[in-house]
Amino acid sequence: MFTKQSFQPDWCEKPPKKKSYRSIFKWGNPNEFKHPNSAWYEMIKEEFGLTDEDFEKPQSEGNEKVEIDQKIKLPKKKINAFIDIVGEKNVSTDDYSRVKYSHGKTVDEAIELRRNLVRNVPDIIVHPRDKKDVLKIVKYCNKQKLPVYIFGGGSSVTFGLNTPKGGVMLAMGTHMNKLLSINEQNQTATMQPGIFGPAYEEALNNPPKRFNVERQYTCGHFPQSFEYSTVGGWVVTLGSGQASTYYGDAYDIVLSQEYVTPAGIIKTHDYPGTATGPKINDIMKGSEGSFGILVELTMKIFRHMPGNRQRFAFMFPSWDAAVEASREILQGEFGKPAVYRIADPEETEVGLKHFGVQGTPIDSLVNLRGFKPMKRCLCLGTVEGEKDFTKHVKDHIAKVCKQYGAMTLTGFATMLWEKTRYKEPYMREDLMDYGVIIDTVESAVTWDNLHRLHQGVRSYIKKRPGTICMTHASHFYPQGTNLYFIFILKMMDLKSYRKFHDGILDAILKHGGSISHHHGIGKLFAPLMTRHLGKEQMAVLRVLKNHFDPNNIMNPGGHLGLD
């Protein structure tokens, strides 16, 4: 008997037109797509009161060619000065480049670009070839008092690339993208800041071919933006990778750095530890281009032993049980997992739909075992390292989870997650084509305040009718974790959305969370910096800003709340 197939939207399968607005805001590879499955589509319709008719025709897609009427303010003489430094082919002044290199991946930017709206752009884009070029550029800009901004991979979700003062944008990934050396004795690697995650990891995985070393290594840092973010970007925004619970955050992994600042060159030492006063190396981490430009860095690397990786997954009966088990695992002193994630009840249900599990025999079995929808919580993870170590840690994790009433799901669920962990952002374009926003905020929190923050922020988000709010924790420490809030709503009015988003940040601060855990600050969270850190800490940062950059040419216009 013939069964009529249910309606599915005509999700976009075409790469963006060249030099279009969509080619700027679309995530990742222009030829790659990941669409919501039928369960997600039905969920979105039900949650937002929509019908198939609402998905028959996309709204603003941004396929128009980029054209702007913002004139270049730099005189030809000054543009020629940059051409003299880097060569004519490394200076761009066309409309498309000026827009591309000054926009990241915030929802705000995507909404505006879909409507062919452009706020601020730099006058010119400069592609430095090496740190000597950067030194000449900074010296010239400081003398001429020209604003300087920095573009790494373009994955910023904090208005990190916004250029309210015009000026010069340095594109670091064009040429300064090489792994320079591996020191096998010290187990470190030195690279230029513009190297992208996959190129860096591939070079470490296969070093004998290039660097005459005996072992294979891994960087240990795998953010969701891994494929389209740079190593320098990880450090200057204090990023965290999905395996940070074992390897550490970017803050922990970077060993030494070299910056070009208007005040001079800062080059820190690569000692594993010193007692020589406050560490300038730490001060430069997370500076987001406001003190100077990162031109070289040395990172810790780790032995690459993928054959020893152990995967696990559990279903907990409740969020309380998942949190308490996680705390015991991190404080148990038996070793740490690499990837470790727990999803709250709403994210668990949405995730089961996403992976096509809901309604299957597996789902029925979990139900029969007493793990009920909107109460149960999914846990995924891996253990990495030496073979006996990984088995030891996995066994202890299983023991703790069992003590808190969890049911094992084997490592299959984690394997499913691994297959798509870098592809989830691709769905954003599909949803926004039909007026549905998906966005995130994340916050650091201590164990004793986790439930207050979770409940407080969720309460604010869920007060808005028709809003999905998923929450997971994915970066763990003995003292606490992070909460990553993902919200989906039907809205494309930017003013209303900004008000809603500001309310989420206010709820985070009111309930004792940090305004960022691993996305950095940029100009989006900058207005909250004084409220979060206090006047005295901000005063210290402003003194540093004045020392490194007395003419305020480095990333001016409100970045980090410093000006």
Protein backbone atom coordinates (compact mmCIF):
# COMPACT_ATOMS: atom_id res chain seq x y z
CA MET A 1 0.00 0.00 0.00
CA PHE A 2 1.34 3.43 -0.95
CA THR A 3 1.95 5.80 1.97
CA LYS A 4 2.22 9.48 1.28
CA GLN A 5 5.52 10.84 2.52
CA SER A 6 5.20 13.63 5.06
CA PHE A 7 6.14 17.14 3.99
CA GLN A 8 9.73 18.25 4.49
CA PRO A 9 11.00 21.78 3.87
CA ASP A 10 13.15 22.36 0.85
CA TRP A 11 16.30 22.75 2.92
CA CYS A 12 19.03 24.55 1.03
CA GLU A 13 21.49 22.18 -0.68
CA LYS A 14 23.24 24.73 -2.84
CA PRO A 15 26.53 26.40 -1.89
CA PRO A 16 26.18 30.15 -1.40
CA LYS A 17 26.71 32.32 -4.44
CA LYS A 18 30.22 33.66 -4.68
CA LYS A 19 30.77 36.98 -2.92
CA SER A 20 27.23 36.90 -1.50
CA TYR A 21 26.17 37.82 2.00
CA ARG A 22 25.24 34.18 2.61
CA SER A 23 28.78 33.05 1.81
CA ILE A 24 29.91 35.17 4.78
CA PHE A 25 27.42 34.13 7.46
CA LYS A 26 27.02 30.47 6.42
CA TRP A 27 28.86 28.17 8.77
CA GLY A 28 31.78 26.05 7.60
CA ASN A 29 32.32 24.42 4.23
CA PRO A 30 30.15 26.08 1.55
CA ASN A 31 29.41 22.62 0.09
CA GLU A 32 28.41 20.93 3.35
CA PHE A 33 24.97 20.86 4.95
CA LYS A 34 23.25 19.17 7.88
CA HIS A 35 19.47 19.40 8.06
CA PRO A 36 17.02 18.86 10.92
CA ASN A 37 15.57 15.36 10.72
CA SER A 38 11.83 14.72 10.56
CA ALA A 39 11.55 14.37 14.36
CA TRP A 40 13.20 17.75 14.87
CA TYR A 41 11.03 19.32 12.19
CA GLU A 42 7.87 18.04 13.88
CA MET A 43 9.16 19.22 17.27
CA ILE A 44 9.78 22.73 15.96
CA LYS A 45 6.32 22.96 14.40
CA GLU A 46 4.65 21.75 17.59
CA GLU A 47 6.68 23.98 19.91
CA PHE A 48 6.18 27.15 17.88
CA GLY A 49 2.64 26.54 16.64
CA LEU A 50 3.72 26.31 12.99
CA THR A 51 2.41 24.32 10.05
CA ASP A 52 3.94 22.98 6.85
CA GLU A 53 2.77 26.16 5.13
CA ASP A 54 5.20 28.16 7.24
CA PHE A 55 8.04 26.14 5.69
CA GLU A 56 6.99 26.27 2.06
CA LYS A 57 9.07 29.30 1.19
CA PRO A 58 12.28 30.52 2.83
CA GLN A 59 12.47 34.06 4.14
CA SER A 60 15.49 36.31 3.52
CA GLU A 61 18.39 34.08 2.45
CA GLY A 62 21.10 36.64 1.78
CA ASN A 63 22.05 35.42 -1.68
CA GLU A 64 22.56 38.94 -3.00
CA LYS A 65 26.03 40.14 -4.00
CA VAL A 66 27.78 42.13 -1.29
CA GLU A 67 27.70 45.83 -2.09
CA ILE A 68 28.18 48.62 0.44
CA ASP A 69 28.24 52.39 0.31
CA GLN A 70 30.77 52.87 3.09
CA LYS A 71 33.62 54.80 1.54
CA ILE A 72 37.26 54.09 2.37
CA LYS A 73 38.47 56.87 4.65
CA LEU A 74 42.18 56.11 4.38
CA PRO A 75 43.92 58.29 1.82
CA LYS A 76 45.77 56.59 -1.02
CA LYS A 77 49.11 57.56 0.51
CA LYS A 78 48.43 55.52 3.64
CA ILE A 79 47.11 52.55 1.68
CA ASN A 80 50.31 52.60 -0.33
CA ALA A 81 52.28 52.45 2.91
CA PHE A 82 50.74 49.05 3.63
CA ILE A 83 51.36 47.93 0.06
CA ASP A 84 55.02 48.82 0.56
CA ILE A 85 55.13 46.56 3.64
CA VAL A 86 53.26 43.43 2.45
CA GLY A 87 52.94 43.82 -1.32
CA GLU A 88 49.95 44.84 -3.41
CA LYS A 89 48.39 41.34 -3.55
CA ASN A 90 48.21 41.29 0.25
CA VAL A 91 46.09 44.42 0.57
CA SER A 92 42.35 44.24 -0.16
CA THR A 93 39.89 47.13 -0.44
CA ASP A 94 36.93 45.54 -2.24
CA ASP A 95 33.47 45.54 -0.67
CA TYR A 96 33.31 41.78 -0.19
CA SER A 97 36.61 41.52 1.68
CA ARG A 98 35.76 44.46 3.92
CA VAL A 99 32.51 42.78 4.96
CA LYS A 100 33.84 39.22 5.15
CA TYR A 101 36.76 40.05 7.42
CA SER A 102 34.72 42.14 9.84
CA HIS A 103 31.90 39.71 10.57
CA GLY A 104 31.74 36.62 12.76
CA LYS A 105 28.97 34.14 13.49
CA THR A 106 26.65 35.85 15.96
CA VAL A 107 22.92 35.61 15.36
CA ASP A 108 22.81 39.40 15.13
CA GLU A 109 25.30 39.45 12.28
CA ALA A 110 23.49 36.66 10.44
CA ILE A 111 20.13 38.45 10.71
CA GLU A 112 21.59 41.71 9.43
CA LEU A 113 23.57 40.16 6.57
CA ARG A 114 20.48 38.26 5.44
CA ARG A 115 18.89 41.67 5.00
CA ASN A 116 21.99 43.09 3.30
CA LEU A 117 22.65 45.32 6.30
CA VAL A 118 26.24 46.10 7.25
CA ARG A 119 27.22 48.13 10.31
CA ASN A 120 30.96 48.66 10.46
CA VAL A 121 33.74 47.63 8.11
CA PRO A 122 37.48 48.32 8.06
CA ASP A 123 38.99 50.54 5.40
CA ILE A 124 41.42 47.89 4.20
CA ILE A 125 42.32 44.24 4.80
CA VAL A 126 46.03 43.45 5.16
CA HIS A 127 47.45 39.93 5.01
CA PRO A 128 50.80 39.93 6.86
CA ARG A 129 53.31 37.35 5.67
CA ASP A 130 55.30 37.02 8.91
CA LYS A 131 55.91 38.67 12.26
CA LYS A 132 58.29 41.18 10.68
CA ASP A 133 55.37 42.48 8.63
CA VAL A 134 53.24 42.69 11.76
CA LEU A 135 55.92 44.70 13.56
CA LYS A 136 56.13 47.20 10.69
CA ILE A 137 52.34 47.46 10.47
CA VAL A 138 51.87 48.09 14.19
CA LYS A 139 54.65 50.69 14.25
CA TYR A 140 53.13 52.52 11.30
CA CYS A 141 49.58 52.35 12.67
CA ASN A 142 50.69 53.56 16.09
CA LYS A 143 52.51 56.51 14.54
CA GLN A 144 49.51 57.36 12.35
CA LYS A 145 46.99 56.49 15.10
CA LEU A 146 45.16 54.03 12.83
CA PRO A 147 42.89 51.39 14.42
CA VAL A 148 44.08 47.79 14.06
CA TYR A 149 41.80 44.74 14.27
CA ILE A 150 42.64 41.04 13.98
CA PHE A 151 40.89 38.26 12.04
CA GLY A 152 41.78 34.62 12.79
CA GLY A 153 39.25 32.02 11.69
CA GLY A 154 36.11 34.17 11.73
CA SER A 155 34.17 31.94 14.14
CA SER A 156 33.68 34.62 16.81
CA VAL A 157 30.23 34.72 18.44
CA THR A 158 30.95 37.82 20.56
CA PHE A 159 31.30 40.63 17.98
CA GLY A 160 35.02 39.95 18.19
CA LEU A 161 35.52 41.13 14.60
CA ASN A 162 33.42 44.28 14.74
CA THR A 163 35.34 47.38 13.61
CA PRO A 164 33.50 50.46 14.90
CA LYS A 165 36.51 52.71 14.26
CA GLY A 166 37.25 51.58 10.70
CA GLY A 167 40.98 51.32 10.07
CA VAL A 168 42.95 48.17 9.29
CA MET A 169 42.00 44.49 9.62
CA LEU A 170 44.87 41.99 9.73
CA ALA A 171 43.98 38.56 8.32
CA MET A 172 46.36 36.24 10.18
CA GLY A 173 45.35 32.94 8.60
CA THR A 174 46.34 33.74 5.01
CA HIS A 175 50.10 33.34 5.43
CA MET A 176 50.91 33.02 9.13
CA ASN A 177 49.51 29.50 9.35
CA LYS A 178 52.44 27.13 9.78
CA LEU A 179 53.62 24.67 12.40
CA LEU A 180 57.23 25.78 12.86
CA SER A 181 58.76 23.09 15.04
CA ILE A 182 58.18 20.18 17.42
CA ASN A 183 60.41 19.76 20.47
CA GLU A 184 60.05 16.10 21.33
CA GLN A 185 62.18 16.34 24.46
CA ASN A 186 60.00 19.08 25.93
CA GLN A 187 56.83 17.73 24.29
CA THR A 188 55.93 21.13 22.83
CA ALA A 189 55.13 22.58 19.43
CA THR A 190 55.74 26.11 18.15
CA MET A 191 53.48 27.58 15.50
CA GLN A 192 52.16 30.74 13.90
CA PRO A 193 48.78 31.89 15.24
CA GLY A 194 46.85 31.56 11.98
CA ILE A 195 47.13 27.78 11.68
CA PHE A 196 43.69 26.14 11.67
CA GLY A 197 42.78 23.25 13.95
CA PRO A 198 42.74 20.43 11.33
CA ALA A 199 46.08 21.48 9.81
CA TYR A 200 47.66 21.66 13.26
CA GLU A 201 46.30 18.28 14.39
CA GLU A 202 47.24 16.58 11.11
CA ALA A 203 50.80 17.86 11.38
CA LEU A 204 51.05 16.58 14.96
CA ASN A 205 49.52 13.21 14.08
CA ASN A 206 52.09 12.69 11.30
CA PRO A 207 55.24 14.46 12.52
CA PRO A 208 57.86 11.90 11.40
CA LYS A 209 57.23 12.95 7.81
CA ARG A 210 58.03 16.60 8.52
CA PHE A 211 59.92 17.05 11.76
CA ASN A 212 61.97 13.86 12.17
CA VAL A 213 60.46 12.88 15.52
CA GLU A 214 59.61 9.40 16.72
CA ARG A 215 56.09 9.69 18.12
CA GLN A 216 52.68 10.85 17.00
CA TYR A 217 51.09 13.70 18.95
CA THR A 218 47.76 15.44 19.42
CA CYS A 219 46.91 19.03 20.30
CA GLY A 220 44.22 17.92 22.78
CA HIS A 221 42.02 20.91 21.89
CA PHE A 222 38.85 20.20 19.90
CA PRO A 223 36.20 22.93 20.17
CA GLN A 224 33.05 22.60 18.08
CA SER A 225 34.60 25.27 15.85
CA PHE A 226 37.76 23.12 15.48
CA GLU A 227 37.61 22.93 11.69
CA TYR A 228 37.21 26.71 11.26
CA SER A 229 39.12 28.29 14.13
CA THR A 230 42.82 29.00 14.60
CA VAL A 231 45.23 28.08 17.36
CA GLY A 232 45.89 31.76 18.04
CA GLY A 233 42.16 32.34 18.33
CA TRP A 234 41.87 29.56 20.90
CA VAL A 235 44.41 31.27 23.14
CA VAL A 236 43.41 34.92 22.85
CA THR A 237 39.76 34.09 23.59
CA LEU A 238 40.49 31.50 26.34
CA GLY A 239 38.74 28.71 24.48
CA SER A 240 37.98 25.17 25.64
CA GLY A 241 37.98 22.01 23.57
CA GLN A 242 35.54 19.15 23.91
CA ALA A 243 38.26 17.04 25.56
CA SER A 244 39.27 19.79 27.99
CA THR A 245 38.37 17.80 31.11
CA TYR A 246 41.56 15.77 30.51
CA TYR A 247 43.82 17.99 28.40
CA GLY A 248 42.87 21.34 29.87
CA ASP A 249 41.57 24.59 28.39
CA ALA A 250 43.60 26.71 25.96
CA TYR A 251 44.76 28.67 29.02
CA ASP A 252 46.38 25.50 30.38
CA ILE A 253 47.84 24.26 27.09
CA VAL A 254 49.65 27.41 25.88
CA LEU A 255 53.17 27.56 27.31
CA SER A 256 54.66 30.74 25.87
CA GLN A 257 53.67 33.54 23.51
CA GLU A 258 55.13 36.33 21.41
CA TYR A 259 53.16 39.54 20.85
CA VAL A 260 53.78 42.68 18.88
CA THR A 261 52.36 45.64 20.82
CA PRO A 262 52.57 49.39 20.27
CA ALA A 263 54.84 49.46 23.35
CA GLY A 264 57.20 46.83 21.94
CA ILE A 265 57.61 43.07 21.59
CA ILE A 266 56.50 40.79 24.41
CA LYS A 267 58.07 37.32 24.29
CA THR A 268 57.47 35.07 27.28
CA HIS A 269 59.56 32.07 28.33
CA ASP A 270 58.53 28.45 27.85
CA TYR A 271 59.56 27.20 31.28
CA PRO A 272 56.99 24.76 32.68
CA GLY A 273 56.89 26.79 35.89
CA THR A 274 58.64 29.74 37.52
CA ALA A 275 58.40 31.86 40.67
CA THR A 276 59.35 35.16 39.08
CA GLY A 277 56.37 37.25 40.03
CA PRO A 278 53.00 37.63 38.27
CA LYS A 279 53.19 35.96 34.87
CA ILE A 280 52.95 38.28 31.88
CA ASN A 281 52.18 35.15 29.86
CA ASP A 282 48.93 34.81 31.80
CA ILE A 283 48.09 38.48 31.32
CA MET A 284 48.29 38.12 27.55
CA LYS A 285 46.04 35.05 27.45
CA GLY A 286 42.50 36.13 26.67
CA SER A 287 43.56 39.65 25.68
CA GLU A 288 41.66 39.34 22.36
CA GLY A 289 43.94 41.70 20.45
CA SER A 290 43.41 44.60 22.84
CA PHE A 291 47.03 44.66 24.06
CA GLY A 292 48.81 43.52 20.93
CA ILE A 293 48.95 40.93 18.17
CA LEU A 294 49.90 37.33 18.83
CA VAL A 295 52.52 36.34 16.23
CA GLU A 296 53.96 33.08 17.59
CA LEU A 297 53.18 30.63 20.38
CA THR A 298 54.43 27.42 21.94
CA MET A 299 51.85 24.86 23.05
CA LYS A 300 51.98 21.69 25.11
CA ILE A 301 51.31 18.60 23.01
CA PHE A 302 50.29 15.09 24.03
CA ARG A 303 51.03 11.55 22.90
CA HIS A 304 48.49 10.46 20.32
CA MET A 305 47.11 7.01 21.16
CA PRO A 306 43.67 6.79 19.51
CA GLY A 307 43.74 2.99 19.68
CA ASN A 308 43.50 3.23 23.46
CA ARG A 309 40.40 5.45 23.47
CA GLN A 310 37.57 4.11 25.59
CA ARG A 311 34.01 5.30 24.98
CA PHE A 312 31.10 5.21 27.40
CA ALA A 313 27.54 6.46 27.69
CA PHE A 314 24.98 6.31 30.49
CA MET A 315 21.41 7.34 31.15
CA PHE A 316 20.80 8.83 34.58
CA PRO A 317 17.37 8.84 36.21
CA SER A 318 17.55 12.57 37.01
CA TRP A 319 19.58 15.75 36.62
CA ASP A 320 20.50 15.67 40.31
CA ALA A 321 21.93 12.17 39.94
CA ALA A 322 23.91 13.14 36.82
CA VAL A 323 25.40 16.19 38.53
CA GLU A 324 26.34 14.37 41.74
CA ALA A 325 27.90 11.46 39.84
CA SER A 326 29.90 13.92 37.73
CA ARG A 327 31.21 15.69 40.80
CA GLU A 328 32.29 12.37 42.31
CA ILE A 329 34.03 11.39 39.07
CA LEU A 330 35.98 14.65 38.91
CA GLN A 331 36.88 14.57 42.59
CA GLY A 332 37.55 10.82 42.78
CA GLU A 333 41.32 11.07 42.12
CA PHE A 334 41.30 7.99 39.87
CA GLY A 335 41.99 9.93 36.67
CA LYS A 336 39.86 12.12 34.43
CA PRO A 337 37.88 11.42 31.28
CA ALA A 338 38.74 13.41 28.16
CA VAL A 339 35.31 14.12 26.73
CA TYR A 340 32.65 14.20 29.42
CA ARG A 341 29.17 15.62 28.92
CA ILE A 342 25.86 15.52 30.76
CA ALA A 343 22.63 16.80 29.25
CA ASP A 344 19.70 18.04 31.29
CA PRO A 345 16.22 16.48 30.76
CA GLU A 346 15.13 18.84 27.97
CA GLU A 347 18.39 18.51 26.04
CA THR A 348 18.27 14.75 26.50
CA GLU A 349 14.82 14.53 24.87
CA VAL A 350 15.75 16.87 22.04
CA GLY A 351 18.99 14.93 21.55
CA LEU A 352 17.20 11.58 21.35
CA LYS A 353 15.01 13.06 18.61
CA HIS A 354 18.06 14.48 16.87
CA PHE A 355 19.82 11.11 16.76
CA GLY A 356 16.66 9.24 15.76
CA VAL A 357 16.45 7.26 19.01
CA GLN A 358 13.11 8.48 20.31
CA GLY A 359 10.35 5.96 19.62
CA THR A 360 12.75 3.11 18.79
CA PRO A 361 13.07 -0.20 20.70
CA ILE A 362 16.10 1.28 22.48
CA ASP A 363 13.95 4.16 23.74
CA SER A 364 11.26 1.70 24.83
CA LEU A 365 13.81 -0.35 26.75
CA VAL A 366 15.13 2.73 28.54
CA ASN A 367 11.53 3.65 29.46
CA LEU A 368 10.82 0.17 30.77
CA ARG A 369 13.90 0.42 32.96
CA GLY A 370 12.34 3.45 34.65
CA PHE A 371 14.18 6.28 32.90
CA LYS A 372 11.28 8.57 32.08
CA PRO A 373 11.14 11.39 29.50
CA MET A 374 11.83 14.91 30.84
CA LYS A 375 13.50 13.39 33.90
CA ARG A 376 16.26 11.19 32.45
CA CYS A 377 19.67 12.66 31.57
CA LEU A 378 22.18 11.48 29.00
CA CYS A 379 25.91 11.23 29.70
CA LEU A 380 28.55 10.78 26.97
CA GLY A 381 32.30 10.50 27.24
CA THR A 382 35.68 9.13 26.32
CA VAL A 383 38.91 8.32 28.12
CA GLU A 384 42.30 8.84 26.49
CA GLY A 385 45.88 7.95 27.37
CA GLU A 386 47.85 4.80 28.10
CA LYS A 387 45.92 1.54 27.58
CA ASP A 388 45.73 0.40 31.20
CA PHE A 389 44.95 3.94 32.33
CA THR A 390 41.97 4.33 30.00
CA LYS A 391 40.49 1.01 31.11
CA HIS A 392 41.07 1.92 34.76
CA VAL A 393 39.33 5.30 34.43
CA LYS A 394 36.42 3.90 32.43
CA ASP A 395 35.85 1.16 35.01
CA HIS A 396 35.78 3.68 37.85
CA ILE A 397 33.40 5.96 35.93
CA ALA A 398 31.05 3.01 35.36
CA LYS A 399 31.19 2.16 39.05
CA VAL A 400 30.27 5.71 40.10
CA CYS A 401 27.48 5.99 37.54
CA LYS A 402 25.99 2.71 38.74
CA GLN A 403 26.04 4.01 42.32
CA TYR A 404 23.89 6.94 41.17
CA GLY A 405 21.35 4.75 39.39
CA ALA A 406 22.60 5.11 35.82
CA MET A 407 22.02 2.61 33.05
CA THR A 408 24.85 1.90 30.63
CA LEU A 409 24.22 2.61 26.94
CA THR A 410 27.64 1.27 25.85
CA GLY A 411 29.91 3.50 23.79
CA PHE A 412 27.64 3.47 20.75
CA ALA A 413 25.83 6.69 21.71
CA THR A 414 29.18 8.47 21.99
CA MET A 415 30.21 7.20 18.57
CA LEU A 416 27.02 8.69 17.11
CA TRP A 417 27.83 12.03 18.73
CA GLU A 418 31.43 11.94 17.46
CA LYS A 419 30.27 11.53 13.87
CA THR A 420 28.39 14.83 13.87
CA ARG A 421 30.01 16.86 16.66
CA TYR A 422 31.47 19.43 14.27
CA LYS A 423 28.39 19.51 12.01
CA GLU A 424 25.65 20.70 14.37
CA PRO A 425 26.15 24.44 13.60
CA TYR A 426 25.22 23.78 9.97
CA MET A 427 21.56 23.49 10.98
CA ARG A 428 21.45 27.14 11.99
CA GLU A 429 21.11 28.35 8.40
CA ASP A 430 18.25 25.91 7.73
CA LEU A 431 16.27 27.16 10.70
CA MET A 432 16.97 30.85 10.11
CA ASP A 433 15.85 30.50 6.50
CA TYR A 434 12.36 30.05 8.00
CA GLY A 435 12.59 32.59 10.82
CA VAL A 436 13.73 30.26 13.61
CA ILE A 437 16.74 31.22 15.73
CA ILE A 438 19.08 28.81 17.49
CA ASP A 439 21.72 30.41 19.70
CA THR A 440 23.85 29.69 22.76
CA VAL A 441 25.35 31.25 25.87
CA GLU A 442 27.70 29.50 28.29
CA SER A 443 28.77 30.15 31.85
CA ALA A 444 31.25 28.81 34.38
CA VAL A 445 29.83 27.71 37.73
CA THR A 446 30.95 26.05 40.96
CA TRP A 447 29.33 22.82 42.12
CA ASP A 448 27.56 24.46 45.05
CA ASN A 449 25.83 26.96 42.79
CA LEU A 450 25.11 24.78 39.75
CA HIS A 451 21.43 24.08 40.40
CA ARG A 452 20.68 27.71 41.27
CA LEU A 453 22.21 28.89 38.00
CA HIS A 454 20.58 26.14 35.95
CA GLN A 455 17.13 26.78 37.36
CA GLY A 456 17.42 30.56 37.30
CA VAL A 457 18.50 30.86 33.68
CA ARG A 458 16.07 28.21 32.46
CA SER A 459 13.26 29.95 34.33
CA TYR A 460 13.95 33.20 32.48
CA ILE A 461 14.20 31.53 29.07
CA LYS A 462 11.11 29.37 29.54
CA LYS A 463 9.00 32.37 30.59
CA ARG A 464 8.94 33.26 26.93
CA PRO A 465 6.18 31.09 25.40
CA GLY A 466 7.33 28.72 22.69
CA THR A 467 11.01 28.56 23.54
CA ILE A 468 13.14 25.43 23.65
CA CYS A 469 15.95 25.54 26.21
CA MET A 470 18.54 22.78 26.26
CA THR A 471 21.39 22.75 28.76
CA HIS A 472 24.49 20.62 29.08
CA ALA A 473 27.76 20.64 30.99
CA SER A 474 30.82 19.75 28.93
CA HIS A 475 33.98 21.10 30.61
CA PHE A 476 34.61 19.68 34.06
CA TYR A 477 36.90 20.52 36.96
CA PRO A 478 37.12 19.22 40.54
CA GLN A 479 35.66 22.58 41.65
CA GLY A 480 32.85 22.92 39.13
CA THR A 481 31.85 22.90 35.48
CA ASN A 482 30.21 25.00 32.80
CA LEU A 483 26.57 25.25 31.78
CA TYR A 484 25.93 25.63 28.07
CA PHE A 485 22.45 26.94 27.33
CA ILE A 486 21.08 26.37 23.81
CA PHE A 487 17.79 28.07 23.02
CA ILE A 488 15.55 27.85 19.97
CA LEU A 489 12.78 30.35 19.28
CA LYS A 490 10.67 31.75 16.45
CA MET A 491 11.85 35.33 16.11
CA MET A 492 13.71 37.42 13.54
CA ASP A 493 13.18 40.90 14.95
CA LEU A 494 16.68 41.92 16.01
CA LYS A 495 15.63 44.49 18.60
CA SER A 496 13.37 41.99 20.37
CA TYR A 497 15.99 39.29 20.16
CA ARG A 498 18.69 41.52 21.61
CA LYS A 499 16.42 42.37 24.55
CA PHE A 500 15.76 38.68 25.15
CA HIS A 501 19.48 37.81 24.91
CA ASP A 502 20.41 40.61 27.32
CA GLY A 503 17.89 39.19 29.76
CA ILE A 504 19.62 35.80 29.64
CA LEU A 505 22.98 37.40 30.48
CA ASP A 506 21.36 39.32 33.31
CA ALA A 507 19.91 36.06 34.67
CA ILE A 508 23.34 34.43 34.51
CA LEU A 509 24.93 37.20 36.57
CA LYS A 510 22.03 37.34 39.03
CA HIS A 511 22.38 33.62 39.69
CA GLY A 512 26.14 33.56 40.17
CA GLY A 513 27.52 32.47 36.79
CA SER A 514 30.32 33.98 34.72
CA ILE A 515 29.38 35.87 31.57
CA SER A 516 31.55 33.54 29.49
CA HIS A 517 33.29 30.22 29.94
CA HIS A 518 35.02 29.69 26.60
CA HIS A 519 33.60 32.03 23.94
CA GLY A 520 35.57 35.08 25.03
CA ILE A 521 34.16 38.57 25.57
CA GLY A 522 34.48 40.62 22.40
CA LYS A 523 32.22 43.64 22.19
CA LEU A 524 29.04 41.66 22.88
CA PHE A 525 29.69 40.91 26.55
CA ALA A 526 31.96 43.91 27.13
CA PRO A 527 29.27 46.11 28.76
CA LEU A 528 28.96 43.51 31.53
CA MET A 529 32.66 43.28 32.35
CA THR A 530 32.65 45.83 35.19
CA ARG A 531 29.57 44.25 36.73
CA HIS A 532 31.21 40.83 36.52
CA LEU A 533 34.79 41.63 37.56
CA GLY A 534 34.29 44.76 39.66
CA LYS A 535 35.84 48.21 39.35
CA GLU A 536 39.25 47.31 40.80
CA GLN A 537 39.95 44.42 38.45
CA MET A 538 38.79 46.48 35.48
CA ALA A 539 41.06 49.31 36.63
CA VAL A 540 44.02 46.92 36.49
CA LEU A 541 43.10 45.85 32.96
CA ARG A 542 42.80 49.48 31.87
CA VAL A 543 46.25 50.26 33.26
CA LEU A 544 47.64 47.37 31.22
CA LYS A 545 45.77 48.58 28.16
CA ASN A 546 47.26 52.06 28.59
CA HIS A 547 50.77 50.62 28.92
CA PHE A 548 50.64 48.32 25.91
CA ASP A 549 48.50 50.60 23.74
CA PRO A 550 48.63 54.26 24.87
CA ASN A 551 47.08 55.51 21.61
CA ASN A 552 44.23 52.98 21.78
CA ILE A 553 44.78 51.62 18.29
CA MET A 554 44.46 47.93 19.19
CA ASN A 555 40.93 46.63 18.70
CA PRO A 556 39.28 49.90 19.83
CA GLY A 557 35.57 50.51 20.20
CA GLY A 558 34.60 48.75 23.42
CA HIS A 559 36.44 45.44 23.20
CA LEU A 560 36.72 43.73 26.62
CA GLY A 561 35.06 46.83 28.04
CA LEU A 562 38.41 48.64 28.09
CA ASP A 563 37.49 51.78 26.15
